[in-house]
Amino acid sequence: MRSLNSPCIDVCTLDLATDTCLGCGRTLAEIERWAFFTDGERAAINAELPERRARFEAERIAAATQVAQKWPASRCSRCGEAFTCGATDCSTPCWCASYPAITPAEGASCMCPACLALYSRRELTSRSNASE
């Protein structure tokens, strides 16, 4: 509900490990209780969200990098950096599968964790602004 100053960007994808929405950055408990929070409580949570999203992205990149060390090397189609892609067979999905679905960047194939995180954030923000 927008009238409750909700940070929802209509990309409701829950990270099961942390019970955190990948779109807005709120925990499941915060989402459930949002309508019952005071304006001050909602404002405090909204103020924390940019840091939460940044920390969550950094943790995802670190985890992806650790897992990806086992996979073959690729080159990022956006920045040219070397990275590893996990899409080598059907039994193991690539690290990028943990990101919300986005429209592929024009002319891009696989992107490194940093570029995909940046592009995903821009795409999600763009979707949010278009829905308002």
N, C-alpha and C. Protein backbone atom coordinates (compact mmCIF):
# COMPACT_ATOMS: atom_id res chain seq x y z
N MET A 1 0.84 -1.18 0.00
CA MET A 1 0.00 0.00 0.00
C MET A 1 0.89 1.24 0.00
N ARG A 2 0.80 2.01 -1.02
CA ARG A 2 1.62 3.20 -1.16
C ARG A 2 1.28 4.24 -0.09
N SER A 3 0.02 4.26 0.40
CA SER A 3 -0.36 5.25 1.40
C SER A 3 0.36 5.04 2.73
N LEU A 4 0.95 3.89 2.92
CA LEU A 4 1.68 3.60 4.15
C LEU A 4 3.19 3.81 3.96
N ASN A 5 3.56 4.58 2.92
CA ASN A 5 4.96 4.86 2.64
C ASN A 5 5.76 3.57 2.52
N SER A 6 5.21 2.62 1.78
CA SER A 6 5.86 1.33 1.59
C SER A 6 7.02 1.45 0.61
N PRO A 7 8.14 0.80 0.91
CA PRO A 7 9.27 0.80 -0.01
C PRO A 7 9.13 -0.27 -1.10
N CYS A 8 7.99 -0.97 -1.14
CA CYS A 8 7.79 -2.05 -2.11
C CYS A 8 7.97 -1.51 -3.52
N ILE A 9 8.76 -2.25 -4.33
CA ILE A 9 8.95 -1.87 -5.73
C ILE A 9 8.33 -2.91 -6.66
N ASP A 10 7.43 -3.72 -6.12
CA ASP A 10 6.70 -4.73 -6.89
C ASP A 10 7.61 -5.77 -7.52
N VAL A 11 8.70 -6.08 -6.84
CA VAL A 11 9.59 -7.17 -7.23
C VAL A 11 9.73 -8.04 -5.98
N CYS A 12 8.67 -8.72 -5.65
CA CYS A 12 8.61 -9.47 -4.41
C CYS A 12 9.24 -10.84 -4.59
N THR A 13 10.52 -10.93 -4.25
CA THR A 13 11.28 -12.17 -4.35
C THR A 13 11.97 -12.36 -3.01
N LEU A 14 11.62 -13.41 -2.31
CA LEU A 14 12.13 -13.63 -0.97
C LEU A 14 13.39 -14.48 -0.99
N ASP A 15 14.44 -13.99 -0.33
CA ASP A 15 15.64 -14.77 -0.11
C ASP A 15 15.36 -15.69 1.06
N LEU A 16 15.29 -16.98 0.80
CA LEU A 16 14.89 -17.93 1.84
C LEU A 16 15.90 -18.05 2.98
N ALA A 17 17.16 -17.76 2.70
CA ALA A 17 18.18 -17.87 3.75
C ALA A 17 18.03 -16.77 4.79
N THR A 18 17.56 -15.59 4.38
CA THR A 18 17.49 -14.46 5.31
C THR A 18 16.06 -13.96 5.53
N ASP A 19 15.08 -14.55 4.85
CA ASP A 19 13.69 -14.05 4.90
C ASP A 19 13.63 -12.56 4.57
N THR A 20 14.40 -12.15 3.57
CA THR A 20 14.47 -10.76 3.16
C THR A 20 14.01 -10.64 1.71
N CYS A 21 13.21 -9.63 1.42
CA CYS A 21 12.75 -9.38 0.06
C CYS A 21 13.91 -8.78 -0.74
N LEU A 22 14.21 -9.38 -1.89
CA LEU A 22 15.29 -8.87 -2.73
C LEU A 22 14.91 -7.56 -3.40
N GLY A 23 13.62 -7.29 -3.51
CA GLY A 23 13.18 -6.05 -4.14
C GLY A 23 13.30 -4.85 -3.23
N CYS A 24 12.66 -4.90 -2.07
CA CYS A 24 12.62 -3.73 -1.19
C CYS A 24 13.62 -3.78 -0.04
N GLY A 25 14.07 -4.97 0.32
CA GLY A 25 15.04 -5.09 1.40
C GLY A 25 14.46 -5.32 2.78
N ARG A 26 13.12 -5.37 2.88
CA ARG A 26 12.51 -5.60 4.19
C ARG A 26 12.50 -7.09 4.51
N THR A 27 12.48 -7.38 5.81
CA THR A 27 12.35 -8.78 6.24
C THR A 27 10.88 -9.18 6.10
N LEU A 28 10.66 -10.47 6.10
CA LEU A 28 9.29 -10.97 6.01
C LEU A 28 8.46 -10.47 7.18
N ALA A 29 9.05 -10.44 8.37
CA ALA A 29 8.33 -9.94 9.55
C ALA A 29 7.94 -8.47 9.38
N GLU A 30 8.83 -7.67 8.80
CA GLU A 30 8.52 -6.26 8.57
C GLU A 30 7.40 -6.09 7.55
N ILE A 31 7.45 -6.90 6.50
CA ILE A 31 6.40 -6.83 5.48
C ILE A 31 5.05 -7.20 6.09
N GLU A 32 5.02 -8.26 6.88
CA GLU A 32 3.78 -8.71 7.52
C GLU A 32 3.19 -7.66 8.46
N ARG A 33 4.04 -6.93 9.18
CA ARG A 33 3.57 -5.98 10.19
C ARG A 33 3.51 -4.54 9.69
N TRP A 34 3.85 -4.29 8.42
CA TRP A 34 4.00 -2.94 7.90
C TRP A 34 2.80 -2.04 8.21
N ALA A 35 1.61 -2.53 8.00
CA ALA A 35 0.40 -1.71 8.22
C ALA A 35 0.19 -1.36 9.69
N PHE A 36 0.82 -2.10 10.58
CA PHE A 36 0.64 -1.87 12.01
C PHE A 36 1.74 -1.02 12.64
N PHE A 37 2.82 -0.78 11.91
CA PHE A 37 3.90 0.06 12.42
C PHE A 37 3.45 1.51 12.49
N THR A 38 4.05 2.25 13.40
CA THR A 38 3.80 3.70 13.45
C THR A 38 4.57 4.35 12.29
N ASP A 39 4.24 5.61 12.00
CA ASP A 39 4.97 6.33 10.96
C ASP A 39 6.46 6.38 11.28
N GLY A 40 6.79 6.56 12.54
CA GLY A 40 8.20 6.60 12.96
C GLY A 40 8.90 5.28 12.74
N GLU A 41 8.23 4.18 13.04
CA GLU A 41 8.83 2.85 12.83
C GLU A 41 9.05 2.60 11.34
N ARG A 42 8.06 2.96 10.51
CA ARG A 42 8.21 2.78 9.07
C ARG A 42 9.36 3.65 8.54
N ALA A 43 9.45 4.89 9.04
CA ALA A 43 10.52 5.79 8.60
C ALA A 43 11.89 5.24 8.99
N ALA A 44 12.00 4.66 10.17
CA ALA A 44 13.27 4.09 10.63
C ALA A 44 13.68 2.91 9.74
N ILE A 45 12.72 2.07 9.41
CA ILE A 45 13.02 0.93 8.54
C ILE A 45 13.41 1.43 7.16
N ASN A 46 12.65 2.38 6.62
CA ASN A 46 12.97 2.93 5.29
C ASN A 46 14.38 3.52 5.27
N ALA A 47 14.79 4.14 6.36
CA ALA A 47 16.13 4.74 6.42
C ALA A 47 17.23 3.68 6.41
N GLU A 48 16.94 2.49 6.92
CA GLU A 48 17.92 1.40 6.97
C GLU A 48 18.06 0.66 5.64
N LEU A 49 17.06 0.74 4.79
CA LEU A 49 17.00 -0.12 3.60
C LEU A 49 18.16 0.07 2.62
N PRO A 50 18.61 1.29 2.31
CA PRO A 50 19.74 1.38 1.37
C PRO A 50 20.99 0.65 1.86
N GLU A 51 21.30 0.77 3.15
CA GLU A 51 22.46 0.06 3.69
C GLU A 51 22.23 -1.45 3.67
N ARG A 52 21.02 -1.87 4.00
CA ARG A 52 20.71 -3.31 3.97
C ARG A 52 20.90 -3.88 2.57
N ARG A 53 20.34 -3.17 1.57
CA ARG A 53 20.46 -3.66 0.19
C ARG A 53 21.92 -3.71 -0.24
N ALA A 54 22.69 -2.70 0.12
CA ALA A 54 24.10 -2.68 -0.25
C ALA A 54 24.85 -3.83 0.43
N ARG A 55 24.58 -4.06 1.71
CA ARG A 55 25.22 -5.15 2.45
C ARG A 55 24.81 -6.50 1.86
N PHE A 56 23.54 -6.64 1.54
CA PHE A 56 23.04 -7.88 0.97
C PHE A 56 23.70 -8.15 -0.38
N GLU A 57 23.82 -7.11 -1.22
CA GLU A 57 24.49 -7.28 -2.52
C GLU A 57 25.94 -7.69 -2.33
N ALA A 58 26.62 -7.05 -1.38
CA ALA A 58 28.03 -7.40 -1.13
C ALA A 58 28.15 -8.85 -0.67
N GLU A 59 27.25 -9.29 0.19
CA GLU A 59 27.27 -10.68 0.66
C GLU A 59 27.00 -11.64 -0.48
N ARG A 60 26.04 -11.28 -1.36
CA ARG A 60 25.74 -12.15 -2.50
C ARG A 60 26.91 -12.24 -3.45
N ILE A 61 27.58 -11.11 -3.68
CA ILE A 61 28.74 -11.11 -4.57
C ILE A 61 29.86 -11.96 -3.97
N ALA A 62 30.09 -11.81 -2.67
CA ALA A 62 31.14 -12.60 -2.00
C ALA A 62 30.82 -14.10 -2.07
N ALA A 63 29.56 -14.45 -1.81
CA ALA A 63 29.17 -15.87 -1.86
C ALA A 63 29.28 -16.40 -3.29
N ALA A 64 28.85 -15.61 -4.26
CA ALA A 64 28.94 -16.03 -5.65
C ALA A 64 30.39 -16.21 -6.07
N THR A 65 31.24 -15.32 -5.62
CA THR A 65 32.67 -15.40 -5.97
C THR A 65 33.28 -16.66 -5.38
N GLN A 66 32.92 -16.97 -4.15
CA GLN A 66 33.46 -18.17 -3.49
C GLN A 66 33.03 -19.43 -4.23
N VAL A 67 31.76 -19.53 -4.56
CA VAL A 67 31.26 -20.71 -5.28
C VAL A 67 31.82 -20.75 -6.69
N ALA A 68 31.91 -19.59 -7.31
CA ALA A 68 32.31 -19.53 -8.71
C ALA A 68 33.77 -19.91 -8.95
N GLN A 69 34.58 -19.97 -7.91
CA GLN A 69 35.98 -20.33 -8.09
C GLN A 69 36.12 -21.74 -8.66
N LYS A 70 35.07 -22.53 -8.58
CA LYS A 70 35.10 -23.90 -9.09
C LYS A 70 34.70 -23.97 -10.56
N TRP A 71 34.23 -22.87 -11.13
CA TRP A 71 33.67 -22.89 -12.48
C TRP A 71 34.63 -22.31 -13.51
N PRO A 72 34.39 -22.59 -14.79
CA PRO A 72 35.29 -22.09 -15.84
C PRO A 72 35.22 -20.55 -15.97
N ALA A 73 36.31 -19.99 -16.47
CA ALA A 73 36.40 -18.53 -16.61
C ALA A 73 35.59 -18.03 -17.80
N SER A 74 35.01 -16.83 -17.64
CA SER A 74 34.30 -16.12 -18.71
C SER A 74 34.75 -14.67 -18.65
N ARG A 75 34.31 -13.87 -19.63
CA ARG A 75 34.57 -12.43 -19.63
C ARG A 75 33.22 -11.72 -19.58
N CYS A 76 33.15 -10.71 -18.73
CA CYS A 76 31.93 -9.92 -18.59
C CYS A 76 31.70 -9.13 -19.88
N SER A 77 30.48 -9.22 -20.41
CA SER A 77 30.17 -8.51 -21.66
C SER A 77 30.00 -7.01 -21.44
N ARG A 78 29.94 -6.55 -20.18
CA ARG A 78 29.79 -5.12 -19.90
C ARG A 78 31.13 -4.46 -19.60
N CYS A 79 31.93 -5.05 -18.71
CA CYS A 79 33.17 -4.38 -18.28
C CYS A 79 34.44 -5.10 -18.75
N GLY A 80 34.30 -6.34 -19.24
CA GLY A 80 35.45 -7.08 -19.73
C GLY A 80 36.23 -7.84 -18.67
N GLU A 81 35.83 -7.72 -17.40
CA GLU A 81 36.53 -8.43 -16.32
C GLU A 81 36.32 -9.94 -16.44
N ALA A 82 37.33 -10.68 -16.04
CA ALA A 82 37.21 -12.14 -15.99
C ALA A 82 36.36 -12.52 -14.78
N PHE A 83 35.51 -13.50 -14.95
CA PHE A 83 34.71 -14.05 -13.85
C PHE A 83 34.37 -15.49 -14.23
N THR A 84 33.78 -16.20 -13.30
CA THR A 84 33.42 -17.58 -13.59
C THR A 84 31.92 -17.73 -13.65
N CYS A 85 31.48 -18.53 -14.59
CA CYS A 85 30.06 -18.78 -14.81
C CYS A 85 29.75 -20.22 -14.42
N GLY A 86 28.65 -20.41 -13.73
CA GLY A 86 28.29 -21.75 -13.27
C GLY A 86 27.39 -22.50 -14.19
N ALA A 87 27.05 -21.93 -15.33
CA ALA A 87 26.12 -22.59 -16.24
C ALA A 87 26.85 -23.61 -17.11
N THR A 88 27.47 -24.58 -16.46
CA THR A 88 28.21 -25.58 -17.21
C THR A 88 27.40 -26.84 -17.47
N ASP A 89 26.40 -27.10 -16.63
CA ASP A 89 25.52 -28.25 -16.85
C ASP A 89 24.20 -28.01 -16.13
N CYS A 90 23.25 -28.88 -16.35
CA CYS A 90 21.91 -28.70 -15.78
C CYS A 90 21.83 -29.03 -14.29
N SER A 91 22.84 -29.71 -13.76
CA SER A 91 22.76 -30.12 -12.36
C SER A 91 23.11 -28.98 -11.40
N THR A 92 23.85 -27.99 -11.86
CA THR A 92 24.27 -26.88 -11.00
C THR A 92 23.90 -25.56 -11.66
N PRO A 93 22.95 -24.82 -11.09
CA PRO A 93 22.62 -23.53 -11.70
C PRO A 93 23.73 -22.52 -11.45
N CYS A 94 23.82 -21.55 -12.33
CA CYS A 94 24.81 -20.48 -12.17
C CYS A 94 24.44 -19.61 -10.98
N TRP A 95 25.43 -18.93 -10.39
CA TRP A 95 25.21 -18.01 -9.28
C TRP A 95 24.21 -16.92 -9.66
N CYS A 96 24.15 -16.56 -10.95
CA CYS A 96 23.27 -15.47 -11.36
C CYS A 96 21.79 -15.85 -11.25
N ALA A 97 21.50 -17.13 -11.13
CA ALA A 97 20.10 -17.58 -11.01
C ALA A 97 19.47 -17.09 -9.71
N SER A 98 20.27 -16.64 -8.75
CA SER A 98 19.72 -16.15 -7.49
C SER A 98 19.22 -14.71 -7.60
N TYR A 99 19.50 -14.05 -8.72
CA TYR A 99 19.02 -12.68 -8.94
C TYR A 99 17.60 -12.71 -9.47
N PRO A 100 16.82 -11.65 -9.21
CA PRO A 100 15.48 -11.57 -9.81
C PRO A 100 15.62 -11.53 -11.33
N ALA A 101 14.60 -12.03 -12.02
CA ALA A 101 14.61 -12.01 -13.48
C ALA A 101 14.63 -10.57 -13.97
N ILE A 102 15.51 -10.29 -14.92
CA ILE A 102 15.61 -8.95 -15.50
C ILE A 102 15.62 -9.05 -17.01
N THR A 103 15.32 -7.95 -17.67
CA THR A 103 15.42 -7.89 -19.11
C THR A 103 16.89 -7.87 -19.48
N PRO A 104 17.33 -8.74 -20.39
CA PRO A 104 18.75 -8.75 -20.74
C PRO A 104 19.21 -7.39 -21.28
N ALA A 105 20.40 -6.99 -20.92
CA ALA A 105 20.97 -5.74 -21.41
C ALA A 105 21.27 -5.89 -22.90
N GLU A 106 20.98 -4.85 -23.65
CA GLU A 106 21.21 -4.91 -25.09
C GLU A 106 22.68 -5.19 -25.37
N GLY A 107 22.93 -6.19 -26.20
CA GLY A 107 24.29 -6.53 -26.58
C GLY A 107 25.08 -7.28 -25.53
N ALA A 108 24.46 -7.59 -24.39
CA ALA A 108 25.19 -8.26 -23.31
C ALA A 108 24.85 -9.74 -23.27
N SER A 109 25.83 -10.52 -22.91
CA SER A 109 25.56 -11.92 -22.61
C SER A 109 25.75 -12.06 -21.11
N CYS A 110 26.64 -12.91 -20.66
CA CYS A 110 26.86 -13.04 -19.22
C CYS A 110 27.60 -11.83 -18.67
N MET A 111 27.22 -11.45 -17.44
CA MET A 111 27.89 -10.34 -16.77
C MET A 111 28.53 -10.84 -15.49
N CYS A 112 29.58 -10.16 -15.06
CA CYS A 112 30.24 -10.50 -13.80
C CYS A 112 29.30 -10.14 -12.64
N PRO A 113 29.58 -10.65 -11.44
CA PRO A 113 28.70 -10.35 -10.30
C PRO A 113 28.50 -8.86 -10.06
N ALA A 114 29.54 -8.05 -10.16
CA ALA A 114 29.40 -6.61 -9.89
C ALA A 114 28.52 -5.94 -10.93
N CYS A 115 28.72 -6.24 -12.21
CA CYS A 115 27.91 -5.61 -13.26
C CYS A 115 26.46 -6.09 -13.19
N LEU A 116 26.25 -7.38 -12.91
CA LEU A 116 24.88 -7.87 -12.81
C LEU A 116 24.16 -7.26 -11.62
N ALA A 117 24.85 -7.09 -10.51
CA ALA A 117 24.25 -6.45 -9.34
C ALA A 117 23.84 -5.02 -9.67
N LEU A 118 24.73 -4.28 -10.33
CA LEU A 118 24.43 -2.89 -10.71
C LEU A 118 23.28 -2.84 -11.71
N TYR A 119 23.35 -3.67 -12.74
CA TYR A 119 22.31 -3.68 -13.77
C TYR A 119 20.97 -4.09 -13.17
N SER A 120 20.98 -5.09 -12.27
CA SER A 120 19.74 -5.54 -11.62
C SER A 120 19.12 -4.41 -10.81
N ARG A 121 19.93 -3.70 -10.04
CA ARG A 121 19.43 -2.59 -9.22
C ARG A 121 18.82 -1.51 -10.12
N ARG A 122 19.49 -1.18 -11.23
CA ARG A 122 18.95 -0.17 -12.16
C ARG A 122 17.63 -0.64 -12.76
N GLU A 123 17.58 -1.91 -13.16
CA GLU A 123 16.37 -2.47 -13.76
C GLU A 123 15.21 -2.44 -12.76
N LEU A 124 15.47 -2.86 -11.53
CA LEU A 124 14.42 -2.89 -10.52
C LEU A 124 13.94 -1.48 -10.18
N THR A 125 14.86 -0.53 -10.12
CA THR A 125 14.49 0.86 -9.86
C THR A 125 13.67 1.41 -11.01
N SER A 126 14.07 1.09 -12.21
CA SER A 126 13.33 1.54 -13.40
C SER A 126 11.92 0.98 -13.41
N ARG A 127 11.77 -0.30 -13.07
CA ARG A 127 10.43 -0.90 -12.98
C ARG A 127 9.59 -0.20 -11.92
N SER A 128 10.22 0.10 -10.79
CA SER A 128 9.51 0.75 -9.70
C SER A 128 9.02 2.14 -10.13
N ASN A 129 9.89 2.89 -10.78
CA ASN A 129 9.52 4.24 -11.22
C ASN A 129 8.43 4.20 -12.29
N ALA A 130 8.46 3.17 -13.15
CA ALA A 130 7.45 3.04 -14.19
C ALA A 130 6.08 2.68 -13.64
N SER A 131 6.06 1.98 -12.49
CA SER A 131 4.78 1.55 -11.91
C SER A 131 4.12 2.63 -11.09
N GLU A 132 4.83 3.71 -10.80
CA GLU A 132 4.26 4.78 -9.96
C GLU A 132 3.41 5.73 -10.78
